[in-house]
Amino acid sequence: MIADLNYLKTMSGGDSKFIREMITLFSDQIEEYKNIMPDLLQKKDYDGLSKIAHKAKSSVAVMGMSEVADILKDLENLAHNEKEVEKYKFMIDYFLEQSELAIKELESTN
């Protein structure tokens, strides 16, 4: 499984309604990022991309997606410094693909 809800379960005391709400919020955020991140990349707005990566990193971390959070941390830092620009598209695509898979998993188990 891509996501690990242990943090949410612990934080919420196992409140399934809260966990479902967090999954819905996560899904809505991913839809937003799916539209914003490629646009920022195309416009070469690396500062904006860095800020969105930071925000997205928090979202995936709450869902227990540590590998994806690490990729977003790297994207945040690289974009902030405008380094290794050729890696950004791959990092964004990976984040979005993994997030979509996680949403499907989460929705099927909750």
N, C-alpha and C. Protein backbone atom coordinates (compact mmCIF):
# COMPACT_ATOMS: atom_id res chain seq x y z
N MET A 1 0.84 -1.19 0.00
CA MET A 1 0.00 0.00 0.00
C MET A 1 0.88 1.25 0.00
N ILE A 2 0.48 2.24 -0.74
CA ILE A 2 1.26 3.47 -0.88
C ILE A 2 1.10 4.35 0.35
N ALA A 3 -0.12 4.49 0.82
CA ALA A 3 -0.38 5.33 1.99
C ALA A 3 -0.36 4.47 3.26
N ASP A 4 -0.04 5.12 4.36
CA ASP A 4 -0.03 4.45 5.66
C ASP A 4 -0.77 5.37 6.63
N LEU A 5 -1.94 4.94 7.05
CA LEU A 5 -2.80 5.79 7.87
C LEU A 5 -2.51 5.69 9.37
N ASN A 6 -1.42 5.06 9.75
CA ASN A 6 -1.13 4.91 11.18
C ASN A 6 -1.05 6.25 11.91
N TYR A 7 -0.41 7.24 11.29
CA TYR A 7 -0.32 8.56 11.91
C TYR A 7 -1.71 9.15 12.13
N LEU A 8 -2.54 9.10 11.10
CA LEU A 8 -3.90 9.64 11.21
C LEU A 8 -4.71 8.88 12.26
N LYS A 9 -4.56 7.56 12.28
CA LYS A 9 -5.30 6.76 13.27
C LYS A 9 -4.88 7.12 14.68
N THR A 10 -3.58 7.29 14.88
CA THR A 10 -3.07 7.66 16.20
C THR A 10 -3.53 9.05 16.59
N MET A 11 -3.36 9.99 15.67
CA MET A 11 -3.71 11.38 15.93
C MET A 11 -5.19 11.56 16.23
N SER A 12 -6.04 10.78 15.54
CA SER A 12 -7.48 10.95 15.68
C SER A 12 -8.09 10.01 16.71
N GLY A 13 -7.27 9.17 17.31
CA GLY A 13 -7.81 8.18 18.24
C GLY A 13 -8.67 7.15 17.53
N GLY A 14 -8.37 6.92 16.25
CA GLY A 14 -9.11 5.93 15.47
C GLY A 14 -10.47 6.41 14.97
N ASP A 15 -10.70 7.70 14.98
CA ASP A 15 -11.97 8.29 14.54
C ASP A 15 -12.11 8.12 13.03
N SER A 16 -12.93 7.16 12.62
CA SER A 16 -13.04 6.85 11.19
C SER A 16 -13.66 8.00 10.40
N LYS A 17 -14.55 8.75 11.00
CA LYS A 17 -15.14 9.91 10.29
C LYS A 17 -14.07 10.95 9.99
N PHE A 18 -13.23 11.23 10.97
CA PHE A 18 -12.13 12.19 10.78
C PHE A 18 -11.18 11.70 9.69
N ILE A 19 -10.86 10.43 9.72
CA ILE A 19 -9.94 9.86 8.72
C ILE A 19 -10.55 9.97 7.32
N ARG A 20 -11.82 9.68 7.18
CA ARG A 20 -12.50 9.83 5.87
C ARG A 20 -12.45 11.28 5.40
N GLU A 21 -12.67 12.22 6.33
CA GLU A 21 -12.62 13.64 5.97
C GLU A 21 -11.21 14.03 5.51
N MET A 22 -10.20 13.51 6.15
CA MET A 22 -8.82 13.80 5.76
C MET A 22 -8.50 13.22 4.39
N ILE A 23 -9.03 12.05 4.11
CA ILE A 23 -8.83 11.44 2.80
C ILE A 23 -9.51 12.28 1.72
N THR A 24 -10.70 12.78 2.00
CA THR A 24 -11.41 13.65 1.05
C THR A 24 -10.62 14.94 0.83
N LEU A 25 -10.14 15.52 1.90
CA LEU A 25 -9.33 16.74 1.80
C LEU A 25 -8.08 16.48 0.97
N PHE A 26 -7.41 15.37 1.24
CA PHE A 26 -6.21 15.00 0.49
C PHE A 26 -6.54 14.87 -1.01
N SER A 27 -7.63 14.20 -1.31
CA SER A 27 -8.03 14.01 -2.71
C SER A 27 -8.29 15.36 -3.39
N ASP A 28 -8.97 16.26 -2.68
CA ASP A 28 -9.23 17.60 -3.23
C ASP A 28 -7.93 18.36 -3.46
N GLN A 29 -7.00 18.25 -2.53
CA GLN A 29 -5.71 18.95 -2.66
C GLN A 29 -4.94 18.42 -3.86
N ILE A 30 -4.96 17.11 -4.06
CA ILE A 30 -4.24 16.53 -5.20
C ILE A 30 -4.82 17.05 -6.51
N GLU A 31 -6.13 17.17 -6.59
CA GLU A 31 -6.76 17.74 -7.79
C GLU A 31 -6.23 19.15 -8.04
N GLU A 32 -6.10 19.93 -6.98
CA GLU A 32 -5.58 21.29 -7.09
C GLU A 32 -4.12 21.27 -7.57
N TYR A 33 -3.31 20.43 -6.97
CA TYR A 33 -1.89 20.35 -7.34
C TYR A 33 -1.72 19.87 -8.77
N LYS A 34 -2.62 18.98 -9.21
CA LYS A 34 -2.54 18.44 -10.57
C LYS A 34 -2.68 19.56 -11.61
N ASN A 35 -3.44 20.58 -11.27
CA ASN A 35 -3.63 21.71 -12.17
C ASN A 35 -2.53 22.75 -12.03
N ILE A 36 -2.12 23.01 -10.80
CA ILE A 36 -1.19 24.11 -10.52
C ILE A 36 0.26 23.77 -10.87
N MET A 37 0.73 22.61 -10.46
CA MET A 37 2.17 22.31 -10.59
C MET A 37 2.66 22.31 -12.03
N PRO A 38 1.99 21.62 -12.95
CA PRO A 38 2.47 21.67 -14.35
C PRO A 38 2.44 23.08 -14.93
N ASP A 39 1.46 23.86 -14.52
CA ASP A 39 1.35 25.24 -14.99
C ASP A 39 2.53 26.07 -14.49
N LEU A 40 2.87 25.92 -13.21
CA LEU A 40 4.01 26.65 -12.66
C LEU A 40 5.31 26.23 -13.36
N LEU A 41 5.43 24.94 -13.63
CA LEU A 41 6.63 24.44 -14.32
C LEU A 41 6.72 25.04 -15.72
N GLN A 42 5.62 25.04 -16.44
CA GLN A 42 5.61 25.58 -17.80
C GLN A 42 5.98 27.07 -17.79
N LYS A 43 5.49 27.81 -16.80
CA LYS A 43 5.78 29.24 -16.69
C LYS A 43 7.16 29.52 -16.09
N LYS A 44 7.85 28.46 -15.70
CA LYS A 44 9.16 28.57 -15.05
C LYS A 44 9.10 29.41 -13.78
N ASP A 45 7.96 29.28 -13.09
CA ASP A 45 7.77 29.94 -11.79
C ASP A 45 8.28 28.99 -10.71
N TYR A 46 9.59 28.96 -10.59
CA TYR A 46 10.22 28.00 -9.69
C TYR A 46 9.99 28.35 -8.22
N ASP A 47 9.85 29.61 -7.92
CA ASP A 47 9.55 29.99 -6.54
C ASP A 47 8.15 29.49 -6.15
N GLY A 48 7.20 29.69 -7.04
CA GLY A 48 5.84 29.20 -6.80
C GLY A 48 5.81 27.68 -6.70
N LEU A 49 6.58 27.02 -7.55
CA LEU A 49 6.66 25.57 -7.53
C LEU A 49 7.26 25.08 -6.22
N SER A 50 8.27 25.76 -5.73
CA SER A 50 8.88 25.41 -4.45
C SER A 50 7.85 25.51 -3.32
N LYS A 51 7.06 26.56 -3.34
CA LYS A 51 6.05 26.76 -2.28
C LYS A 51 4.95 25.70 -2.34
N ILE A 52 4.51 25.35 -3.53
CA ILE A 52 3.48 24.32 -3.68
C ILE A 52 4.05 22.95 -3.28
N ALA A 53 5.29 22.68 -3.63
CA ALA A 53 5.92 21.42 -3.23
C ALA A 53 5.97 21.32 -1.71
N HIS A 54 6.26 22.44 -1.05
CA HIS A 54 6.29 22.46 0.41
C HIS A 54 4.91 22.12 0.99
N LYS A 55 3.89 22.74 0.43
CA LYS A 55 2.52 22.49 0.89
C LYS A 55 2.10 21.04 0.62
N ALA A 56 2.43 20.55 -0.56
CA ALA A 56 2.08 19.18 -0.94
C ALA A 56 2.82 18.17 -0.07
N LYS A 57 4.04 18.49 0.30
CA LYS A 57 4.84 17.60 1.15
C LYS A 57 4.11 17.31 2.46
N SER A 58 3.51 18.33 3.03
CA SER A 58 2.75 18.16 4.27
C SER A 58 1.55 17.24 4.05
N SER A 59 0.88 17.41 2.94
CA SER A 59 -0.29 16.59 2.63
C SER A 59 0.05 15.11 2.53
N VAL A 60 1.11 14.81 1.80
CA VAL A 60 1.46 13.39 1.64
C VAL A 60 2.06 12.81 2.92
N ALA A 61 2.74 13.64 3.70
CA ALA A 61 3.32 13.15 4.96
C ALA A 61 2.21 12.70 5.91
N VAL A 62 1.12 13.46 5.98
CA VAL A 62 0.00 13.09 6.84
C VAL A 62 -0.59 11.75 6.40
N MET A 63 -0.53 11.46 5.13
CA MET A 63 -1.05 10.20 4.60
C MET A 63 -0.02 9.06 4.70
N GLY A 64 1.12 9.35 5.33
CA GLY A 64 2.13 8.31 5.54
C GLY A 64 2.91 7.96 4.29
N MET A 65 2.96 8.86 3.33
CA MET A 65 3.65 8.61 2.07
C MET A 65 5.06 9.22 2.15
N SER A 66 5.91 8.61 2.95
CA SER A 66 7.22 9.20 3.25
C SER A 66 8.14 9.29 2.03
N GLU A 67 8.10 8.31 1.15
CA GLU A 67 8.95 8.36 -0.05
C GLU A 67 8.56 9.54 -0.94
N VAL A 68 7.26 9.74 -1.10
CA VAL A 68 6.77 10.86 -1.91
C VAL A 68 7.08 12.18 -1.22
N ALA A 69 6.96 12.21 0.10
CA ALA A 69 7.30 13.43 0.86
C ALA A 69 8.77 13.79 0.65
N ASP A 70 9.64 12.78 0.61
CA ASP A 70 11.07 13.03 0.37
C ASP A 70 11.30 13.62 -1.02
N ILE A 71 10.59 13.10 -2.02
CA ILE A 71 10.71 13.62 -3.39
C ILE A 71 10.27 15.09 -3.42
N LEU A 72 9.17 15.38 -2.74
CA LEU A 72 8.67 16.76 -2.71
C LEU A 72 9.61 17.69 -1.95
N LYS A 73 10.26 17.18 -0.93
CA LYS A 73 11.25 17.97 -0.20
C LYS A 73 12.40 18.33 -1.13
N ASP A 74 12.84 17.34 -1.92
CA ASP A 74 13.90 17.59 -2.89
C ASP A 74 13.45 18.61 -3.93
N LEU A 75 12.23 18.45 -4.44
CA LEU A 75 11.69 19.39 -5.42
C LEU A 75 11.61 20.79 -4.83
N GLU A 76 11.14 20.88 -3.61
CA GLU A 76 11.04 22.18 -2.94
C GLU A 76 12.40 22.87 -2.89
N ASN A 77 13.41 22.14 -2.46
CA ASN A 77 14.76 22.71 -2.34
C ASN A 77 15.39 23.03 -3.69
N LEU A 78 15.26 22.11 -4.64
CA LEU A 78 15.82 22.34 -5.97
C LEU A 78 15.16 23.55 -6.65
N ALA A 79 13.83 23.60 -6.58
CA ALA A 79 13.12 24.71 -7.23
C ALA A 79 13.43 26.04 -6.54
N HIS A 80 13.55 26.00 -5.24
CA HIS A 80 13.88 27.23 -4.50
C HIS A 80 15.22 27.81 -4.98
N ASN A 81 16.16 26.90 -5.28
CA ASN A 81 17.49 27.32 -5.73
C ASN A 81 17.66 27.28 -7.24
N GLU A 82 16.58 26.94 -7.96
CA GLU A 82 16.59 26.83 -9.42
C GLU A 82 17.73 25.94 -9.90
N LYS A 83 17.87 24.80 -9.26
CA LYS A 83 18.90 23.81 -9.60
C LYS A 83 18.25 22.59 -10.24
N GLU A 84 18.98 21.95 -11.14
CA GLU A 84 18.57 20.68 -11.75
C GLU A 84 17.13 20.73 -12.28
N VAL A 85 16.82 21.78 -12.99
CA VAL A 85 15.47 22.04 -13.51
C VAL A 85 14.95 20.86 -14.34
N GLU A 86 15.85 20.15 -14.99
CA GLU A 86 15.44 19.03 -15.85
C GLU A 86 14.77 17.90 -15.05
N LYS A 87 14.93 17.86 -13.74
CA LYS A 87 14.33 16.81 -12.90
C LYS A 87 12.90 17.14 -12.45
N TYR A 88 12.50 18.38 -12.55
CA TYR A 88 11.23 18.80 -11.96
C TYR A 88 10.03 18.06 -12.52
N LYS A 89 9.97 17.91 -13.86
CA LYS A 89 8.81 17.25 -14.46
C LYS A 89 8.69 15.82 -13.96
N PHE A 90 9.78 15.09 -13.90
CA PHE A 90 9.73 13.72 -13.40
C PHE A 90 9.24 13.69 -11.95
N MET A 91 9.72 14.61 -11.14
CA MET A 91 9.35 14.63 -9.72
C MET A 91 7.86 14.95 -9.56
N ILE A 92 7.38 15.90 -10.33
CA ILE A 92 5.95 16.26 -10.28
C ILE A 92 5.10 15.08 -10.75
N ASP A 93 5.48 14.48 -11.87
CA ASP A 93 4.72 13.34 -12.40
C ASP A 93 4.69 12.19 -11.39
N TYR A 94 5.83 11.91 -10.77
CA TYR A 94 5.89 10.83 -9.78
C TYR A 94 4.97 11.13 -8.60
N PHE A 95 5.03 12.34 -8.09
CA PHE A 95 4.17 12.75 -6.98
C PHE A 95 2.70 12.58 -7.34
N LEU A 96 2.30 13.06 -8.51
CA LEU A 96 0.90 12.98 -8.91
C LEU A 96 0.45 11.54 -9.15
N GLU A 97 1.29 10.74 -9.78
CA GLU A 97 0.95 9.33 -10.03
C GLU A 97 0.78 8.57 -8.72
N GLN A 98 1.73 8.73 -7.82
CA GLN A 98 1.67 8.03 -6.53
C GLN A 98 0.46 8.49 -5.71
N SER A 99 0.17 9.77 -5.78
CA SER A 99 -0.97 10.31 -5.04
C SER A 99 -2.28 9.76 -5.57
N GLU A 100 -2.40 9.69 -6.89
CA GLU A 100 -3.62 9.13 -7.50
C GLU A 100 -3.79 7.67 -7.10
N LEU A 101 -2.71 6.91 -7.12
CA LEU A 101 -2.78 5.51 -6.70
C LEU A 101 -3.17 5.41 -5.22
N ALA A 102 -2.61 6.26 -4.41
CA ALA A 102 -2.93 6.26 -2.98
C ALA A 102 -4.40 6.58 -2.75
N ILE A 103 -4.93 7.54 -3.48
CA ILE A 103 -6.35 7.90 -3.34
C ILE A 103 -7.24 6.71 -3.68
N LYS A 104 -6.91 6.02 -4.77
CA LYS A 104 -7.70 4.83 -5.15
C LYS A 104 -7.65 3.78 -4.05
N GLU A 105 -6.47 3.55 -3.50
CA GLU A 105 -6.31 2.58 -2.41
C GLU A 105 -7.12 3.01 -1.18
N LEU A 106 -6.99 4.26 -0.83
CA LEU A 106 -7.66 4.77 0.38
C LEU A 106 -9.17 4.71 0.24
N GLU A 107 -9.66 5.06 -0.92
CA GLU A 107 -11.11 5.05 -1.14
C GLU A 107 -11.66 3.62 -1.15
N SER A 108 -10.87 2.67 -1.57
CA SER A 108 -11.35 1.29 -1.60
C SER A 108 -11.28 0.61 -0.24
N THR A 109 -10.47 1.15 0.66
CA THR A 109 -10.34 0.53 1.99
C THR A 109 -11.13 1.26 3.07
N ASN A 110 -11.65 2.44 2.78
CA ASN A 110 -12.39 3.20 3.80
C ASN A 110 -13.82 3.46 3.39
